[in-house]
mmCIF file of all heavy atoms, coordinates in Angstrom:
data_MODEL
# 
_entry.id   MODEL 
# 
loop_
_atom_site.group_PDB 
_atom_site.id 
_atom_site.type_symbol 
_atom_site.label_atom_id 
_atom_site.label_alt_id 
_atom_site.label_comp_id 
_atom_site.label_asym_id 
_atom_site.label_entity_id 
_atom_site.label_seq_id 
_atom_site.pdbx_PDB_ins_code 
_atom_site.Cartn_x 
_atom_site.Cartn_y 
_atom_site.Cartn_z 
_atom_site.occupancy 
_atom_site.B_iso_or_equiv 
_atom_site.pdbx_formal_charge 
_atom_site.auth_seq_id 
_atom_site.auth_comp_id 
_atom_site.auth_asym_id 
_atom_site.auth_atom_id 
_atom_site.pdbx_PDB_model_num 
ATOM 1   N N   . PRO A 1 1  ? 89.817  89.240  111.511 1.00 0.00 ? 1  PRO A N   1 
ATOM 2   C CA  . PRO A 1 1  ? 90.655  90.017  112.441 1.00 0.00 ? 1  PRO A CA  1 
ATOM 3   C C   . PRO A 1 1  ? 91.521  89.186  113.374 1.00 0.00 ? 1  PRO A C   1 
ATOM 4   O O   . PRO A 1 1  ? 92.663  89.554  113.661 1.00 0.00 ? 1  PRO A O   1 
ATOM 5   C CB  . PRO A 1 1  ? 89.626  90.853  113.211 1.00 0.00 ? 1  PRO A CB  1 
ATOM 6   C CG  . PRO A 1 1  ? 88.529  91.069  112.211 1.00 0.00 ? 1  PRO A CG  1 
ATOM 7   C CD  . PRO A 1 1  ? 88.439  89.776  111.457 1.00 0.00 ? 1  PRO A CD  1 
ATOM 8   N N   . ASP A 1 2  ? 91.007  88.060  113.862 1.00 0.00 ? 2  ASP A N   1 
ATOM 9   C CA  . ASP A 1 2  ? 91.800  87.289  114.827 1.00 0.00 ? 2  ASP A CA  1 
ATOM 10  C C   . ASP A 1 2  ? 93.014  86.615  114.197 1.00 0.00 ? 2  ASP A C   1 
ATOM 11  O O   . ASP A 1 2  ? 93.873  86.079  114.906 1.00 0.00 ? 2  ASP A O   1 
ATOM 12  C CB  . ASP A 1 2  ? 90.932  86.264  115.568 1.00 0.00 ? 2  ASP A CB  1 
ATOM 13  C CG  . ASP A 1 2  ? 90.345  85.196  114.654 1.00 0.00 ? 2  ASP A CG  1 
ATOM 14  O OD1 . ASP A 1 2  ? 90.596  85.247  113.428 1.00 0.00 ? 2  ASP A OD1 1 
ATOM 15  O OD2 . ASP A 1 2  ? 89.633  84.314  115.167 1.00 0.00 ? 2  ASP A OD2 1 
ATOM 16  N N   . ALA A 1 3  ? 93.105  86.652  112.871 1.00 0.00 ? 3  ALA A N   1 
ATOM 17  C CA  . ALA A 1 3  ? 94.277  86.102  112.183 1.00 0.00 ? 3  ALA A CA  1 
ATOM 18  C C   . ALA A 1 3  ? 95.343  87.162  111.927 1.00 0.00 ? 3  ALA A C   1 
ATOM 19  O O   . ALA A 1 3  ? 96.383  86.863  111.337 1.00 0.00 ? 3  ALA A O   1 
ATOM 20  C CB  . ALA A 1 3  ? 93.857  85.455  110.864 1.00 0.00 ? 3  ALA A CB  1 
ATOM 21  N N   . LEU A 1 4  ? 95.091  88.398  112.354 1.00 0.00 ? 4  LEU A N   1 
ATOM 22  C CA  . LEU A 1 4  ? 96.002  89.509  112.089 1.00 0.00 ? 4  LEU A CA  1 
ATOM 23  C C   . LEU A 1 4  ? 96.747  89.914  113.358 1.00 0.00 ? 4  LEU A C   1 
ATOM 24  O O   . LEU A 1 4  ? 96.249  89.761  114.469 1.00 0.00 ? 4  LEU A O   1 
ATOM 25  C CB  . LEU A 1 4  ? 95.213  90.726  111.584 1.00 0.00 ? 4  LEU A CB  1 
ATOM 26  C CG  . LEU A 1 4  ? 94.336  90.527  110.352 1.00 0.00 ? 4  LEU A CG  1 
ATOM 27  C CD1 . LEU A 1 4  ? 93.625  91.837  110.031 1.00 0.00 ? 4  LEU A CD1 1 
ATOM 28  C CD2 . LEU A 1 4  ? 95.146  90.059  109.154 1.00 0.00 ? 4  LEU A CD2 1 
ATOM 29  N N   . SER A 1 5  ? 97.928  90.476  113.175 1.00 0.00 ? 5  SER A N   1 
ATOM 30  C CA  . SER A 1 5  ? 98.656  91.067  114.295 1.00 0.00 ? 5  SER A CA  1 
ATOM 31  C C   . SER A 1 5  ? 97.977  92.364  114.712 1.00 0.00 ? 5  SER A C   1 
ATOM 32  O O   . SER A 1 5  ? 97.122  92.901  113.996 1.00 0.00 ? 5  SER A O   1 
ATOM 33  C CB  . SER A 1 5  ? 100.107 91.352  113.894 1.00 0.00 ? 5  SER A CB  1 
ATOM 34  O OG  . SER A 1 5  ? 100.153 92.442  112.971 1.00 0.00 ? 5  SER A OG  1 
ATOM 35  N N   . GLY A 1 6  ? 98.391  92.880  115.869 1.00 0.00 ? 6  GLY A N   1 
ATOM 36  C CA  . GLY A 1 6  ? 97.818  94.147  116.324 1.00 0.00 ? 6  GLY A CA  1 
ATOM 37  C C   . GLY A 1 6  ? 98.073  95.274  115.341 1.00 0.00 ? 6  GLY A C   1 
ATOM 38  O O   . GLY A 1 6  ? 97.187  96.089  115.060 1.00 0.00 ? 6  GLY A O   1 
ATOM 39  N N   . GLY A 1 7  ? 99.283  95.327  114.808 1.00 0.00 ? 7  GLY A N   1 
ATOM 40  C CA  . GLY A 1 7  ? 99.600  96.372  113.839 1.00 0.00 ? 7  GLY A CA  1 
ATOM 41  C C   . GLY A 1 7  ? 98.770  96.258  112.581 1.00 0.00 ? 7  GLY A C   1 
ATOM 42  O O   . GLY A 1 7  ? 98.328  97.264  112.008 1.00 0.00 ? 7  GLY A O   1 
ATOM 43  N N   . GLN A 1 8  ? 98.529  95.023  112.129 1.00 0.00 ? 8  GLN A N   1 
ATOM 44  C CA  . GLN A 1 8  ? 97.697  94.818  110.948 1.00 0.00 ? 8  GLN A CA  1 
ATOM 45  C C   . GLN A 1 8  ? 96.256  95.205  111.227 1.00 0.00 ? 8  GLN A C   1 
ATOM 46  O O   . GLN A 1 8  ? 95.603  95.849  110.396 1.00 0.00 ? 8  GLN A O   1 
ATOM 47  C CB  . GLN A 1 8  ? 97.781  93.356  110.508 1.00 0.00 ? 8  GLN A CB  1 
ATOM 48  C CG  . GLN A 1 8  ? 99.126  92.969  109.915 1.00 0.00 ? 8  GLN A CG  1 
ATOM 49  C CD  . GLN A 1 8  ? 99.237  91.482  109.651 1.00 0.00 ? 8  GLN A CD  1 
ATOM 50  O OE1 . GLN A 1 8  ? 98.651  90.658  110.365 1.00 0.00 ? 8  GLN A OE1 1 
ATOM 51  N NE2 . GLN A 1 8  ? 99.995  91.112  108.628 1.00 0.00 ? 8  GLN A NE2 1 
ATOM 52  N N   . GLN A 1 9  ? 95.753  94.842  112.408 1.00 0.00 ? 9  GLN A N   1 
ATOM 53  C CA  . GLN A 1 9  ? 94.375  95.219  112.742 1.00 0.00 ? 9  GLN A CA  1 
ATOM 54  C C   . GLN A 1 9  ? 94.212  96.734  112.803 1.00 0.00 ? 9  GLN A C   1 
ATOM 55  O O   . GLN A 1 9  ? 93.201  97.275  112.354 1.00 0.00 ? 9  GLN A O   1 
ATOM 56  C CB  . GLN A 1 9  ? 93.983  94.597  114.090 1.00 0.00 ? 9  GLN A CB  1 
ATOM 57  C CG  . GLN A 1 9  ? 93.802  93.092  114.038 1.00 0.00 ? 9  GLN A CG  1 
ATOM 58  C CD  . GLN A 1 9  ? 93.224  92.552  115.329 1.00 0.00 ? 9  GLN A CD  1 
ATOM 59  O OE1 . GLN A 1 9  ? 92.140  92.955  115.764 1.00 0.00 ? 9  GLN A OE1 1 
ATOM 60  N NE2 . GLN A 1 9  ? 93.938  91.639  115.963 1.00 0.00 ? 9  GLN A NE2 1 
ATOM 61  N N   . GLN A 1 10 ? 95.214  97.426  113.340 1.00 0.00 ? 10 GLN A N   1 
ATOM 62  C CA  . GLN A 1 10 ? 95.107  98.876  113.424 1.00 0.00 ? 10 GLN A CA  1 
ATOM 63  C C   . GLN A 1 10 ? 95.163  99.508  112.036 1.00 0.00 ? 10 GLN A C   1 
ATOM 64  O O   . GLN A 1 10 ? 94.481  100.499 111.769 1.00 0.00 ? 10 GLN A O   1 
ATOM 65  C CB  . GLN A 1 10 ? 96.203  99.438  114.325 1.00 0.00 ? 10 GLN A CB  1 
ATOM 66  C CG  . GLN A 1 10 ? 95.995  100.881 114.762 1.00 0.00 ? 10 GLN A CG  1 
ATOM 67  C CD  . GLN A 1 10 ? 94.705  101.106 115.526 1.00 0.00 ? 10 GLN A CD  1 
ATOM 68  O OE1 . GLN A 1 10 ? 93.611  101.109 114.934 1.00 0.00 ? 10 GLN A OE1 1 
ATOM 69  N NE2 . GLN A 1 10 ? 94.813  101.300 116.826 1.00 0.00 ? 10 GLN A NE2 1 
ATOM 70  N N   . ARG A 1 11 ? 95.962  98.935  111.135 1.00 0.00 ? 11 ARG A N   1 
ATOM 71  C CA  . ARG A 1 11 ? 95.979  99.447  109.759 1.00 0.00 ? 11 ARG A CA  1 
ATOM 72  C C   . ARG A 1 11 ? 94.635  99.208  109.082 1.00 0.00 ? 11 ARG A C   1 
ATOM 73  O O   . ARG A 1 11 ? 94.154  100.062 108.325 1.00 0.00 ? 11 ARG A O   1 
ATOM 74  C CB  . ARG A 1 11 ? 97.106  98.788  108.968 1.00 0.00 ? 11 ARG A CB  1 
ATOM 75  C CG  . ARG A 1 11 ? 98.476  99.418  109.228 1.00 0.00 ? 11 ARG A CG  1 
ATOM 76  C CD  . ARG A 1 11 ? 99.557  98.799  108.370 1.00 0.00 ? 11 ARG A CD  1 
ATOM 77  N NE  . ARG A 1 11 ? 100.000 97.514  108.914 1.00 0.00 ? 11 ARG A NE  1 
ATOM 78  C CZ  . ARG A 1 11 ? 100.704 96.622  108.239 1.00 0.00 ? 11 ARG A CZ  1 
ATOM 79  N NH1 . ARG A 1 11 ? 101.022 96.848  106.965 1.00 0.00 ? 11 ARG A NH1 1 
ATOM 80  N NH2 . ARG A 1 11 ? 101.089 95.487  108.800 1.00 0.00 ? 11 ARG A NH2 1 
ATOM 81  N N   . VAL A 1 12 ? 94.001  98.082  109.346 1.00 0.00 ? 12 VAL A N   1 
ATOM 82  C CA  . VAL A 1 12 ? 92.660  97.840  108.803 1.00 0.00 ? 12 VAL A CA  1 
ATOM 83  C C   . VAL A 1 12 ? 91.668  98.856  109.364 1.00 0.00 ? 12 VAL A C   1 
ATOM 84  O O   . VAL A 1 12 ? 90.821  99.383  108.635 1.00 0.00 ? 12 VAL A O   1 
ATOM 85  C CB  . VAL A 1 12 ? 92.194  96.401  109.110 1.00 0.00 ? 12 VAL A CB  1 
ATOM 86  C CG1 . VAL A 1 12 ? 90.731  96.213  108.699 1.00 0.00 ? 12 VAL A CG1 1 
ATOM 87  C CG2 . VAL A 1 12 ? 93.067  95.385  108.382 1.00 0.00 ? 12 VAL A CG2 1 
ATOM 88  N N   . ALA A 1 13 ? 91.773  99.151  110.660 1.00 0.00 ? 13 ALA A N   1 
ATOM 89  C CA  . ALA A 1 13 ? 90.884  100.155 111.263 1.00 0.00 ? 13 ALA A CA  1 
ATOM 90  C C   . ALA A 1 13 ? 91.064  101.515 110.599 1.00 0.00 ? 13 ALA A C   1 
ATOM 91  O O   . ALA A 1 13 ? 90.091  102.240 110.358 1.00 0.00 ? 13 ALA A O   1 
ATOM 92  C CB  . ALA A 1 13 ? 91.140  100.250 112.768 1.00 0.00 ? 13 ALA A CB  1 
ATOM 93  N N   . LEU A 1 14 ? 92.310  101.861 110.282 1.00 0.00 ? 14 LEU A N   1 
ATOM 94  C CA  . LEU A 1 14 ? 92.567  103.114 109.568 1.00 0.00 ? 14 LEU A CA  1 
ATOM 95  C C   . LEU A 1 14 ? 91.955  103.090 108.176 1.00 0.00 ? 14 LEU A C   1 
ATOM 96  O O   . LEU A 1 14 ? 91.317  104.054 107.747 1.00 0.00 ? 14 LEU A O   1 
ATOM 97  C CB  . LEU A 1 14 ? 94.074  103.359 109.475 1.00 0.00 ? 14 LEU A CB  1 
ATOM 98  C CG  . LEU A 1 14 ? 94.738  104.003 110.687 1.00 0.00 ? 14 LEU A CG  1 
ATOM 99  C CD1 . LEU A 1 14 ? 96.248  103.842 110.616 1.00 0.00 ? 14 LEU A CD1 1 
ATOM 100 C CD2 . LEU A 1 14 ? 94.385  105.480 110.763 1.00 0.00 ? 14 LEU A CD2 1 
ATOM 101 N N   . VAL A 1 15 ? 92.141  101.981 107.468 1.00 0.00 ? 15 VAL A N   1 
ATOM 102 C CA  . VAL A 1 15 ? 91.575  101.868 106.121 1.00 0.00 ? 15 VAL A CA  1 
ATOM 103 C C   . VAL A 1 15 ? 90.061  101.957 106.177 1.00 0.00 ? 15 VAL A C   1 
ATOM 104 O O   . VAL A 1 15 ? 89.432  102.603 105.334 1.00 0.00 ? 15 VAL A O   1 
ATOM 105 C CB  . VAL A 1 15 ? 92.022  100.543 105.456 1.00 0.00 ? 15 VAL A CB  1 
ATOM 106 C CG1 . VAL A 1 15 ? 91.184  100.248 104.215 1.00 0.00 ? 15 VAL A CG1 1 
ATOM 107 C CG2 . VAL A 1 15 ? 93.503  100.615 105.078 1.00 0.00 ? 15 VAL A CG2 1 
ATOM 108 N N   . ARG A 1 16 ? 89.461  101.327 107.187 1.00 0.00 ? 16 ARG A N   1 
ATOM 109 C CA  . ARG A 1 16 ? 87.999  101.389 107.314 1.00 0.00 ? 16 ARG A CA  1 
ATOM 110 C C   . ARG A 1 16 ? 87.523  102.830 107.462 1.00 0.00 ? 16 ARG A C   1 
ATOM 111 O O   . ARG A 1 16 ? 86.513  103.227 106.864 1.00 0.00 ? 16 ARG A O   1 
ATOM 112 C CB  . ARG A 1 16 ? 87.547  100.551 108.512 1.00 0.00 ? 16 ARG A CB  1 
ATOM 113 C CG  . ARG A 1 16 ? 86.042  100.499 108.686 1.00 0.00 ? 16 ARG A CG  1 
ATOM 114 C CD  . ARG A 1 16 ? 85.626  99.569  109.785 1.00 0.00 ? 16 ARG A CD  1 
ATOM 115 N NE  . ARG A 1 16 ? 86.151  99.960  111.094 1.00 0.00 ? 16 ARG A NE  1 
ATOM 116 C CZ  . ARG A 1 16 ? 85.876  99.316  112.222 1.00 0.00 ? 16 ARG A CZ  1 
ATOM 117 N NH1 . ARG A 1 16 ? 85.103  98.248  112.192 1.00 0.00 ? 16 ARG A NH1 1 
ATOM 118 N NH2 . ARG A 1 16 ? 86.382  99.738  113.362 1.00 0.00 ? 16 ARG A NH2 1 
ATOM 119 N N   . ALA A 1 17 ? 88.253  103.618 108.232 1.00 0.00 ? 17 ALA A N   1 
ATOM 120 C CA  . ALA A 1 17 ? 87.879  105.029 108.391 1.00 0.00 ? 17 ALA A CA  1 
ATOM 121 C C   . ALA A 1 17 ? 88.099  105.808 107.104 1.00 0.00 ? 17 ALA A C   1 
ATOM 122 O O   . ALA A 1 17 ? 87.263  106.613 106.695 1.00 0.00 ? 17 ALA A O   1 
ATOM 123 C CB  . ALA A 1 17 ? 88.681  105.649 109.531 1.00 0.00 ? 17 ALA A CB  1 
ATOM 124 N N   . ILE A 1 18 ? 89.235  105.577 106.442 1.00 0.00 ? 18 ILE A N   1 
ATOM 125 C CA  . ILE A 1 18 ? 89.557  106.300 105.212 1.00 0.00 ? 18 ILE A CA  1 
ATOM 126 C C   . ILE A 1 18 ? 88.589  105.948 104.090 1.00 0.00 ? 18 ILE A C   1 
ATOM 127 O O   . ILE A 1 18 ? 88.252  106.789 103.250 1.00 0.00 ? 18 ILE A O   1 
ATOM 128 C CB  . ILE A 1 18 ? 91.005  105.991 104.778 1.00 0.00 ? 18 ILE A CB  1 
ATOM 129 C CG1 . ILE A 1 18 ? 92.000  106.410 105.863 1.00 0.00 ? 18 ILE A CG1 1 
ATOM 130 C CG2 . ILE A 1 18 ? 91.353  106.708 103.471 1.00 0.00 ? 18 ILE A CG2 1 
ATOM 131 C CD1 . ILE A 1 18 ? 93.365  105.759 105.688 1.00 0.00 ? 18 ILE A CD1 1 
ATOM 132 N N   . ALA A 1 19 ? 88.122  104.697 104.073 1.00 0.00 ? 19 ALA A N   1 
ATOM 133 C CA  . ALA A 1 19 ? 87.216  104.248 103.005 1.00 0.00 ? 19 ALA A CA  1 
ATOM 134 C C   . ALA A 1 19 ? 85.915  105.029 102.990 1.00 0.00 ? 19 ALA A C   1 
ATOM 135 O O   . ALA A 1 19 ? 85.231  105.097 101.965 1.00 0.00 ? 19 ALA A O   1 
ATOM 136 C CB  . ALA A 1 19 ? 86.925  102.752 103.152 1.00 0.00 ? 19 ALA A CB  1 
ATOM 137 N N   . MET A 1 20 ? 85.567  105.649 104.118 1.00 0.00 ? 20 MET A N   1 
ATOM 138 C CA  . MET A 1 20 ? 84.368  106.481 104.169 1.00 0.00 ? 20 MET A CA  1 
ATOM 139 C C   . MET A 1 20 ? 84.600  107.858 103.556 1.00 0.00 ? 20 MET A C   1 
ATOM 140 O O   . MET A 1 20 ? 83.684  108.678 103.498 1.00 0.00 ? 20 MET A O   1 
ATOM 141 C CB  . MET A 1 20 ? 83.922  106.638 105.632 1.00 0.00 ? 20 MET A CB  1 
ATOM 142 C CG  . MET A 1 20 ? 83.310  105.379 106.224 1.00 0.00 ? 20 MET A CG  1 
ATOM 143 S SD  . MET A 1 20 ? 81.694  105.020 105.517 1.00 0.00 ? 20 MET A SD  1 
ATOM 144 C CE  . MET A 1 20 ? 80.718  106.356 106.226 1.00 0.00 ? 20 MET A CE  1 
ATOM 145 N N   . GLN A 1 21 ? 85.828  108.118 103.121 1.00 0.00 ? 21 GLN A N   1 
ATOM 146 C CA  . GLN A 1 21 ? 86.220  109.381 102.503 1.00 0.00 ? 21 GLN A CA  1 
ATOM 147 C C   . GLN A 1 21 ? 85.860  110.583 103.383 1.00 0.00 ? 21 GLN A C   1 
ATOM 148 O O   . GLN A 1 21 ? 85.197  111.524 102.934 1.00 0.00 ? 21 GLN A O   1 
ATOM 149 C CB  . GLN A 1 21 ? 85.583  109.516 101.122 1.00 0.00 ? 21 GLN A CB  1 
ATOM 150 C CG  . GLN A 1 21 ? 85.936  108.369 100.177 1.00 0.00 ? 21 GLN A CG  1 
ATOM 151 C CD  . GLN A 1 21 ? 85.303  108.515 98.813  1.00 0.00 ? 21 GLN A CD  1 
ATOM 152 O OE1 . GLN A 1 21 ? 85.753  109.299 97.986  1.00 0.00 ? 21 GLN A OE1 1 
ATOM 153 N NE2 . GLN A 1 21 ? 84.246  107.753 98.567  1.00 0.00 ? 21 GLN A NE2 1 
ATOM 154 N N   . PRO A 1 22 ? 86.294  110.548 104.644 1.00 0.00 ? 22 PRO A N   1 
ATOM 155 C CA  . PRO A 1 22 ? 85.983  111.666 105.536 1.00 0.00 ? 22 PRO A CA  1 
ATOM 156 C C   . PRO A 1 22 ? 86.781  112.904 105.172 1.00 0.00 ? 22 PRO A C   1 
ATOM 157 O O   . PRO A 1 22 ? 87.854  112.813 104.574 1.00 0.00 ? 22 PRO A O   1 
ATOM 158 C CB  . PRO A 1 22 ? 86.409  111.135 106.905 1.00 0.00 ? 22 PRO A CB  1 
ATOM 159 C CG  . PRO A 1 22 ? 87.557  110.227 106.595 1.00 0.00 ? 22 PRO A CG  1 
ATOM 160 C CD  . PRO A 1 22 ? 87.169  109.561 105.294 1.00 0.00 ? 22 PRO A CD  1 
ATOM 161 N N   . ARG A 1 23 ? 86.292  114.044 105.548 1.00 0.00 ? 23 ARG A N   1 
ATOM 162 C CA  . ARG A 1 23 ? 87.034  115.283 105.355 1.00 0.00 ? 23 ARG A CA  1 
ATOM 163 C C   . ARG A 1 23 ? 88.038  115.480 106.483 1.00 0.00 ? 23 ARG A C   1 
ATOM 164 O O   . ARG A 1 23 ? 89.041  116.168 106.324 1.00 0.00 ? 23 ARG A O   1 
ATOM 165 C CB  . ARG A 1 23 ? 86.078  116.475 105.297 1.00 0.00 ? 23 ARG A CB  1 
ATOM 166 C CG  . ARG A 1 23 ? 85.104  116.383 104.123 1.00 0.00 ? 23 ARG A CG  1 
ATOM 167 C CD  . ARG A 1 23 ? 84.440  117.713 103.867 1.00 0.00 ? 23 ARG A CD  1 
ATOM 168 N NE  . ARG A 1 23 ? 85.426  118.750 103.637 1.00 0.00 ? 23 ARG A NE  1 
ATOM 169 C CZ  . ARG A 1 23 ? 85.370  119.981 104.159 1.00 0.00 ? 23 ARG A CZ  1 
ATOM 170 N NH1 . ARG A 1 23 ? 84.365  120.301 104.950 1.00 0.00 ? 23 ARG A NH1 1 
ATOM 171 N NH2 . ARG A 1 23 ? 86.291  120.876 103.909 1.00 0.00 ? 23 ARG A NH2 1 
ATOM 172 N N   . LEU A 1 24 ? 87.739  114.902 107.641 1.00 0.00 ? 24 LEU A N   1 
ATOM 173 C CA  . LEU A 1 24 ? 88.568  115.066 108.830 1.00 0.00 ? 24 LEU A CA  1 
ATOM 174 C C   . LEU A 1 24 ? 88.737  113.712 109.488 1.00 0.00 ? 24 LEU A C   1 
ATOM 175 O O   . LEU A 1 24 ? 87.783  112.942 109.610 1.00 0.00 ? 24 LEU A O   1 
ATOM 176 C CB  . LEU A 1 24 ? 87.878  116.038 109.801 1.00 0.00 ? 24 LEU A CB  1 
ATOM 177 C CG  . LEU A 1 24 ? 88.471  116.183 111.199 1.00 0.00 ? 24 LEU A CG  1 
ATOM 178 C CD1 . LEU A 1 24 ? 89.848  116.837 111.146 1.00 0.00 ? 24 LEU A CD1 1 
ATOM 179 C CD2 . LEU A 1 24 ? 87.533  117.016 112.082 1.00 0.00 ? 24 LEU A CD2 1 
ATOM 180 N N   . LEU A 1 25 ? 89.966  113.419 109.928 1.00 0.00 ? 25 LEU A N   1 
ATOM 181 C CA  . LEU A 1 25 ? 90.252  112.143 110.580 1.00 0.00 ? 25 LEU A CA  1 
ATOM 182 C C   . LEU A 1 25 ? 90.753  112.410 111.996 1.00 0.00 ? 25 LEU A C   1 
ATOM 183 O O   . LEU A 1 25 ? 91.693  113.185 112.203 1.00 0.00 ? 25 LEU A O   1 
ATOM 184 C CB  . LEU A 1 25 ? 91.314  111.380 109.778 1.00 0.00 ? 25 LEU A CB  1 
ATOM 185 C CG  . LEU A 1 25 ? 91.604  109.938 110.200 1.00 0.00 ? 25 LEU A CG  1 
ATOM 186 C CD1 . LEU A 1 25 ? 90.353  109.074 110.089 1.00 0.00 ? 25 LEU A CD1 1 
ATOM 187 C CD2 . LEU A 1 25 ? 92.718  109.353 109.318 1.00 0.00 ? 25 LEU A CD2 1 
ATOM 188 N N   . LEU A 1 26 ? 90.107  111.777 112.974 1.00 0.00 ? 26 LEU A N   1 
ATOM 189 C CA  . LEU A 1 26 ? 90.485  111.883 114.380 1.00 0.00 ? 26 LEU A CA  1 
ATOM 190 C C   . LEU A 1 26 ? 91.125  110.568 114.802 1.00 0.00 ? 26 LEU A C   1 
ATOM 191 O O   . LEU A 1 26 ? 90.555  109.490 114.569 1.00 0.00 ? 26 LEU A O   1 
ATOM 192 C CB  . LEU A 1 26 ? 89.254  112.164 115.249 1.00 0.00 ? 26 LEU A CB  1 
ATOM 193 C CG  . LEU A 1 26 ? 88.358  113.327 114.830 1.00 0.00 ? 26 LEU A CG  1 
ATOM 194 C CD1 . LEU A 1 26 ? 87.124  113.394 115.735 1.00 0.00 ? 26 LEU A CD1 1 
ATOM 195 C CD2 . LEU A 1 26 ? 89.121  114.646 114.850 1.00 0.00 ? 26 LEU A CD2 1 
# 
């Protein structure tokens, strides 16, 4: 993470949430 820009880290955070295959995303 410390090698990524803020925008890249936030996209990773989104991918981490999506990877759980949630029915609802907050």
